C-alpha atoms as a PDB file:
ATOM      1  CA  MET A   1       0.000   0.000   0.000  1.00  0.00           C
ATOM      2  CA  ILE A   2       1.226   3.490  -0.854  1.00  0.00           C
ATOM      3  CA  ASN A   3       1.641   5.802   2.097  1.00  0.00           C
ATOM      4  CA  LEU A   4       1.392   9.572   2.267  1.00  0.00           C
ATOM      5  CA  ALA A   5       5.174  10.153   2.173  1.00  0.00           C
ATOM      6  CA  GLN A   6       5.484   8.184  -1.066  1.00  0.00           C
ATOM      7  CA  LEU A   7       2.644  10.139  -2.637  1.00  0.00           C
ATOM      8  CA  LYS A   8       4.249  13.451  -1.686  1.00  0.00           C
ATOM      9  CA  GLU A   9       7.577  12.296  -3.104  1.00  0.00           C
ATOM     10  CA  GLN A  10       5.897  11.235  -6.358  1.00  0.00           C
ATOM     11  CA  GLU A  11       4.015  14.524  -6.542  1.00  0.00           C
ATOM     12  CA  GLN A  12       7.262  16.493  -6.132  1.00  0.00           C
ATOM     13  CA  LEU A  13       8.917  14.472  -8.884  1.00  0.00           C
ATOM     14  CA  ASN A  14       5.942  15.058 -11.183  1.00  0.00           C
ATOM     15  CA  ARG A  15       6.068  18.805 -10.486  1.00  0.00           C
ATOM     16  CA  GLU A  16       9.765  18.906 -11.374  1.00  0.00           C
ATOM     17  CA  LEU A  17       9.200  16.946 -14.581  1.00  0.00           C
ATOM     18  CA  ILE A  18       6.324  19.212 -15.610  1.00  0.00           C
ATOM     19  CA  GLU A  19       8.446  22.302 -14.896  1.00  0.00           C
ATOM     20  CA  GLN A  20      11.286  20.941 -17.032  1.00  0.00           C
ATOM     21  CA  SER A  21       8.850  20.092 -19.823  1.00  0.00           C
ATOM     22  CA  LEU A  22       7.399  23.606 -19.771  1.00  0.00           C
ATOM     23  CA  GLN A  23      10.881  25.134 -19.875  1.00  0.00           C
ATOM     24  CA  PHE A  24      11.739  22.983 -22.897  1.00  0.00           C
ATOM     25  CA  ILE A  25       8.519  24.011 -24.666  1.00  0.00           C
ATOM     26  CA  ASP A  26       9.192  27.682 -23.899  1.00  0.00           C
ATOM     27  CA  LEU A  27      12.729  27.422 -25.264  1.00  0.00           C
ATOM     28  CA  SER A  28      11.485  25.643 -28.387  1.00  0.00           C
ATOM     29  CA  LEU A  29       8.877  28.335 -29.028  1.00  0.00           C
ATOM     30  CA  GLU A  30      11.446  31.091 -28.548  1.00  0.00           C
ATOM     31  CA  MET A  31      13.563  29.565 -31.306  1.00  0.00           C
ATOM     32  CA  TYR A  32      10.639  29.842 -33.740  1.00  0.00           C
ATOM     33  CA  GLU A  33       9.742  33.443 -32.886  1.00  0.00           C
ATOM     34  CA  PRO A  34      11.426  36.176 -34.880  1.00  0.00           C
ATOM     35  CA  GLN A  35      13.742  38.152 -32.660  1.00  0.00           C
ATOM     36  CA  SER A  36      13.221  41.900 -32.503  1.00  0.00           C
ATOM     37  CA  LYS A  37      16.496  43.781 -32.814  1.00  0.00           C
ATOM     38  CA  GLN A  38      15.492  46.679 -30.588  1.00  0.00           C
ATOM     39  CA  MET A  39      12.729  46.791 -28.035  1.00  0.00           C
ATOM     40  CA  ASN A  40      13.510  50.157 -26.424  1.00  0.00           C
ATOM     41  CA  TYR A  41      13.948  53.710 -27.592  1.00  0.00           C
ATOM     42  CA  ASP A  42      17.321  54.527 -29.100  1.00  0.00           C
ATOM     43  CA  SER A  43      19.627  57.312 -27.994  1.00  0.00           C
ATOM     44  CA  ASN A  44      17.708  59.823 -30.185  1.00  0.00           C
ATOM     45  CA  LYS A  45      14.537  59.100 -28.192  1.00  0.00           C
ATOM     46  CA  GLN A  46      12.729  57.791 -31.255  1.00  0.00           C
ATOM     47  CA  ALA A  47      10.558  54.736 -31.333  1.00  0.00           C
ATOM     48  CA  PRO A  48      12.041  51.837 -33.296  1.00  0.00           C
ATOM     49  CA  GLN A  49      10.703  51.377 -36.815  1.00  0.00           C
ATOM     50  CA  ARG A  50       8.450  48.376 -37.232  1.00  0.00           C
ATOM     51  CA  GLN A  51       8.226  46.579 -40.504  1.00  0.00           C
ATOM     52  CA  GLN A  52       4.700  46.615 -41.906  1.00  0.00           C
ATOM     53  CA  THR A  53       3.568  43.020 -42.067  1.00  0.00           C
ATOM     54  CA  SER A  54       0.004  41.962 -42.440  1.00  0.00           C
ATOM     55  CA  MET A  55      -1.819  38.786 -43.262  1.00  0.00           C
ATOM     56  CA  PHE A  56      -4.329  40.741 -45.369  1.00  0.00           C
ATOM     57  CA  ASP A  57      -3.803  42.594 -48.631  1.00  0.00           C
ATOM     58  CA  SER A  58      -5.059  46.104 -47.849  1.00  0.00           C
ATOM     59  CA  LYS A  59      -4.823  47.162 -51.524  1.00  0.00           C
ATOM     60  CA  ALA A  60      -7.535  44.742 -52.608  1.00  0.00           C
END
């Protein structure tokens, strides 16, 4: 029969495995995301230029 201490130990192991799995998924997703070169204002206090990308053709 499984006692309470064994259940707690198994639960802790499962939590650690889930945490590692989530970290791996997060890292994998980060590799697929395009990296922005600049997220902050530059030294001239201007907002960074964003490239216009859209899934829809606005000229249609």
